[in-house]
């Protein structure tokens, strides 16, 4: 039984090491999403941080400020949702077969 426990501890350590590598890599991976037919583009990284927002100059109209703000929020939310999905996919590559189905790692 002792060898089994030692082997399991080695597997856990390997999993932790792989997860740290993926977490480091996530900051370099980005996803972009658009709103308003491409008038607003938001980019987020795998760490779920907003990296950039690009606004088409044609939509900048002080009389339609609220519409622009809504489009920015929509694009950012879509980008953050995609970043979350990206992080989950990258982590699942590491944990595939090592964790039971439905087991979620907090923060991912």
C-alpha atoms as a PDB file:
ATOM      1  CA  UNK A   1       0.000   0.000   0.000  1.00  0.00           C
ATOM      2  CA  UNK A   2       2.905   2.324   0.761  1.00  0.00           C
ATOM      3  CA  UNK A   3       4.155   2.193  -2.851  1.00  0.00           C
ATOM      4  CA  UNK A   4       0.664   3.012  -4.045  1.00  0.00           C
ATOM      5  CA  UNK A   5       0.468   6.067  -1.833  1.00  0.00           C
ATOM      6  CA  UNK A   6       3.916   7.218  -2.938  1.00  0.00           C
ATOM      7  CA  UNK A   7       2.924   6.800  -6.583  1.00  0.00           C
ATOM      8  CA  UNK A   8      -0.256   8.773  -6.016  1.00  0.00           C
ATOM      9  CA  UNK A   9       1.692  11.599  -4.345  1.00  0.00           C
ATOM     10  CA  UNK A  10       4.047  11.722  -7.334  1.00  0.00           C
ATOM     11  CA  UNK A  11       1.024  11.971  -9.653  1.00  0.00           C
ATOM     12  CA  UNK A  12      -0.413  14.831  -7.591  1.00  0.00           C
ATOM     13  CA  UNK A  13       2.933  16.657  -7.683  1.00  0.00           C
ATOM     14  CA  UNK A  14       3.129  16.172 -11.455  1.00  0.00           C
ATOM     15  CA  UNK A  15      -0.419  17.508 -11.824  1.00  0.00           C
ATOM     16  CA  UNK A  16       0.446  20.566  -9.724  1.00  0.00           C
ATOM     17  CA  UNK A  17       3.551  21.244 -11.818  1.00  0.00           C
ATOM     18  CA  UNK A  18       1.607  20.941 -15.071  1.00  0.00           C
ATOM     19  CA  UNK A  19      -1.163  23.216 -13.766  1.00  0.00           C
ATOM     20  CA  UNK A  20       1.410  25.876 -12.835  1.00  0.00           C
ATOM     21  CA  UNK A  21       2.859  25.703 -16.351  1.00  0.00           C
ATOM     22  CA  UNK A  22      -0.595  26.175 -17.857  1.00  0.00           C
ATOM     23  CA  UNK A  23      -1.366  29.088 -15.529  1.00  0.00           C
ATOM     24  CA  UNK A  24       1.860  30.796 -16.620  1.00  0.00           C
ATOM     25  CA  UNK A  25       0.965  30.232 -20.274  1.00  0.00           C
ATOM     26  CA  UNK A  26      -2.588  31.605 -19.924  1.00  0.00           C
ATOM     27  CA  UNK A  27      -1.384  35.198 -19.641  1.00  0.00           C
ATOM     28  CA  UNK A  28       0.052  34.932 -23.149  1.00  0.00           C
ATOM     29  CA  UNK A  29      -3.093  33.487 -24.719  1.00  0.00           C
ATOM     30  CA  UNK A  30      -5.788  35.925 -25.827  1.00  0.00           C
ATOM     31  CA  UNK A  31      -9.327  35.842 -27.136  1.00  0.00           C
ATOM     32  CA  UNK A  32     -11.194  38.665 -28.865  1.00  0.00           C
ATOM     33  CA  UNK A  33     -14.915  39.247 -29.116  1.00  0.00           C
ATOM     34  CA  UNK A  34     -16.990  41.862 -30.875  1.00  0.00           C
ATOM     35  CA  UNK A  35     -20.271  43.670 -30.294  1.00  0.00           C
ATOM     36  CA  UNK A  36     -22.362  45.908 -32.484  1.00  0.00           C
ATOM     37  CA  UNK A  37     -21.415  44.089 -35.661  1.00  0.00           C
ATOM     38  CA  UNK A  38     -17.702  44.583 -35.019  1.00  0.00           C
ATOM     39  CA  UNK A  39     -17.911  48.226 -33.982  1.00  0.00           C
ATOM     40  CA  UNK A  40     -16.475  47.339 -30.564  1.00  0.00           C
ATOM     41  CA  UNK A  41     -13.746  44.739 -30.093  1.00  0.00           C
ATOM     42  CA  UNK A  42     -12.550  43.557 -26.681  1.00  0.00           C
ATOM     43  CA  UNK A  43      -9.550  41.319 -26.074  1.00  0.00           C
ATOM     44  CA  UNK A  44      -8.916  39.396 -22.859  1.00  0.00           C
ATOM     45  CA  UNK A  45      -6.154  37.012 -21.847  1.00  0.00           C
ATOM     46  CA  UNK A  46      -6.392  33.553 -20.331  1.00  0.00           C
ATOM     47  CA  UNK A  47      -5.992  35.081 -16.878  1.00  0.00           C
ATOM     48  CA  UNK A  48      -9.398  36.691 -17.435  1.00  0.00           C
ATOM     49  CA  UNK A  49      -7.920  40.190 -17.669  1.00  0.00           C
ATOM     50  CA  UNK A  50      -9.066  42.758 -20.203  1.00  0.00           C
ATOM     51  CA  UNK A  51      -6.140  43.515 -22.519  1.00  0.00           C
ATOM     52  CA  UNK A  52      -7.638  45.998 -24.965  1.00  0.00           C
ATOM     53  CA  UNK A  53     -10.791  47.632 -26.268  1.00  0.00           C
ATOM     54  CA  UNK A  54     -10.973  48.949 -29.837  1.00  0.00           C
ATOM     55  CA  UNK A  55     -13.804  51.299 -30.816  1.00  0.00           C
ATOM     56  CA  UNK A  56     -14.607  52.048 -34.442  1.00  0.00           C
ATOM     57  CA  UNK A  57     -14.413  55.866 -34.767  1.00  0.00           C
ATOM     58  CA  UNK A  58     -17.707  55.876 -36.686  1.00  0.00           C
ATOM     59  CA  UNK A  59     -19.634  54.940 -33.525  1.00  0.00           C
ATOM     60  CA  UNK A  60     -18.246  57.746 -31.392  1.00  0.00           C
ATOM     61  CA  UNK A  61     -21.161  60.130 -31.117  1.00  0.00           C
ATOM     62  CA  UNK A  62     -21.704  62.120 -27.941  1.00  0.00           C
ATOM     63  CA  UNK A  63     -25.473  61.958 -28.496  1.00  0.00           C
ATOM     64  CA  UNK A  64     -25.363  58.145 -28.378  1.00  0.00           C
ATOM     65  CA  UNK A  65     -23.025  57.748 -25.420  1.00  0.00           C
ATOM     66  CA  UNK A  66     -25.240  55.179 -23.672  1.00  0.00           C
ATOM     67  CA  UNK A  67     -25.373  52.936 -26.739  1.00  0.00           C
ATOM     68  CA  UNK A  68     -21.582  53.002 -26.991  1.00  0.00           C
ATOM     69  CA  UNK A  69     -21.232  52.164 -23.300  1.00  0.00           C
ATOM     70  CA  UNK A  70     -23.643  49.235 -23.688  1.00  0.00           C
ATOM     71  CA  UNK A  71     -21.675  47.911 -26.653  1.00  0.00           C
ATOM     72  CA  UNK A  72     -18.399  48.143 -24.716  1.00  0.00           C
ATOM     73  CA  UNK A  73     -19.913  46.220 -21.806  1.00  0.00           C
ATOM     74  CA  UNK A  74     -21.272  43.569 -24.181  1.00  0.00           C
ATOM     75  CA  UNK A  75     -17.931  43.104 -25.951  1.00  0.00           C
ATOM     76  CA  UNK A  76     -15.992  42.950 -22.678  1.00  0.00           C
ATOM     77  CA  UNK A  77     -18.386  40.416 -21.165  1.00  0.00           C
ATOM     78  CA  UNK A  78     -18.159  38.240 -24.272  1.00  0.00           C
ATOM     79  CA  UNK A  79     -14.345  38.413 -24.220  1.00  0.00           C
ATOM     80  CA  UNK A  80     -14.168  37.536 -20.510  1.00  0.00           C
ATOM     81  CA  UNK A  81     -16.564  34.628 -21.048  1.00  0.00           C
ATOM     82  CA  UNK A  82     -14.357  33.353 -23.876  1.00  0.00           C
ATOM     83  CA  UNK A  83     -11.241  33.825 -21.725  1.00  0.00           C
ATOM     84  CA  UNK A  84     -12.857  31.738 -19.004  1.00  0.00           C
ATOM     85  CA  UNK A  85     -13.676  29.018 -21.519  1.00  0.00           C
ATOM     86  CA  UNK A  86     -10.092  29.142 -22.831  1.00  0.00           C
ATOM     87  CA  UNK A  87      -8.695  28.729 -19.305  1.00  0.00           C
ATOM     88  CA  UNK A  88     -10.997  25.772 -18.641  1.00  0.00           C
ATOM     89  CA  UNK A  89      -9.973  24.109 -21.910  1.00  0.00           C
ATOM     90  CA  UNK A  90      -6.262  24.570 -21.225  1.00  0.00           C
ATOM     91  CA  UNK A  91      -6.583  23.200 -17.687  1.00  0.00           C
ATOM     92  CA  UNK A  92      -8.648  20.235 -18.853  1.00  0.00           C
ATOM     93  CA  UNK A  93      -5.774  19.242 -21.162  1.00  0.00           C
ATOM     94  CA  UNK A  94      -3.602  18.824 -18.069  1.00  0.00           C
ATOM     95  CA  UNK A  95      -6.144  17.177 -15.795  1.00  0.00           C
ATOM     96  CA  UNK A  96      -7.737  14.885 -18.398  1.00  0.00           C
ATOM     97  CA  UNK A  97      -8.105  11.436 -16.880  1.00  0.00           C
ATOM     98  CA  UNK A  98      -6.663  12.513 -13.538  1.00  0.00           C
ATOM     99  CA  UNK A  99      -9.766  14.105 -12.021  1.00  0.00           C
ATOM    100  CA  UNK A 100     -13.255  12.632 -11.842  1.00  0.00           C
ATOM    101  CA  UNK A 101     -15.868  13.994 -14.301  1.00  0.00           C
ATOM    102  CA  UNK A 102     -17.558  17.137 -13.029  1.00  0.00           C
ATOM    103  CA  UNK A 103     -14.724  17.970 -10.634  1.00  0.00           C
ATOM    104  CA  UNK A 104     -13.998  21.686 -10.913  1.00  0.00           C
ATOM    105  CA  UNK A 105     -10.899  23.463  -9.765  1.00  0.00           C
ATOM    106  CA  UNK A 106     -11.859  26.743  -8.071  1.00  0.00           C
ATOM    107  CA  UNK A 107     -10.949  29.759 -10.184  1.00  0.00           C
ATOM    108  CA  UNK A 108     -11.021  27.829 -13.474  1.00  0.00           C
END
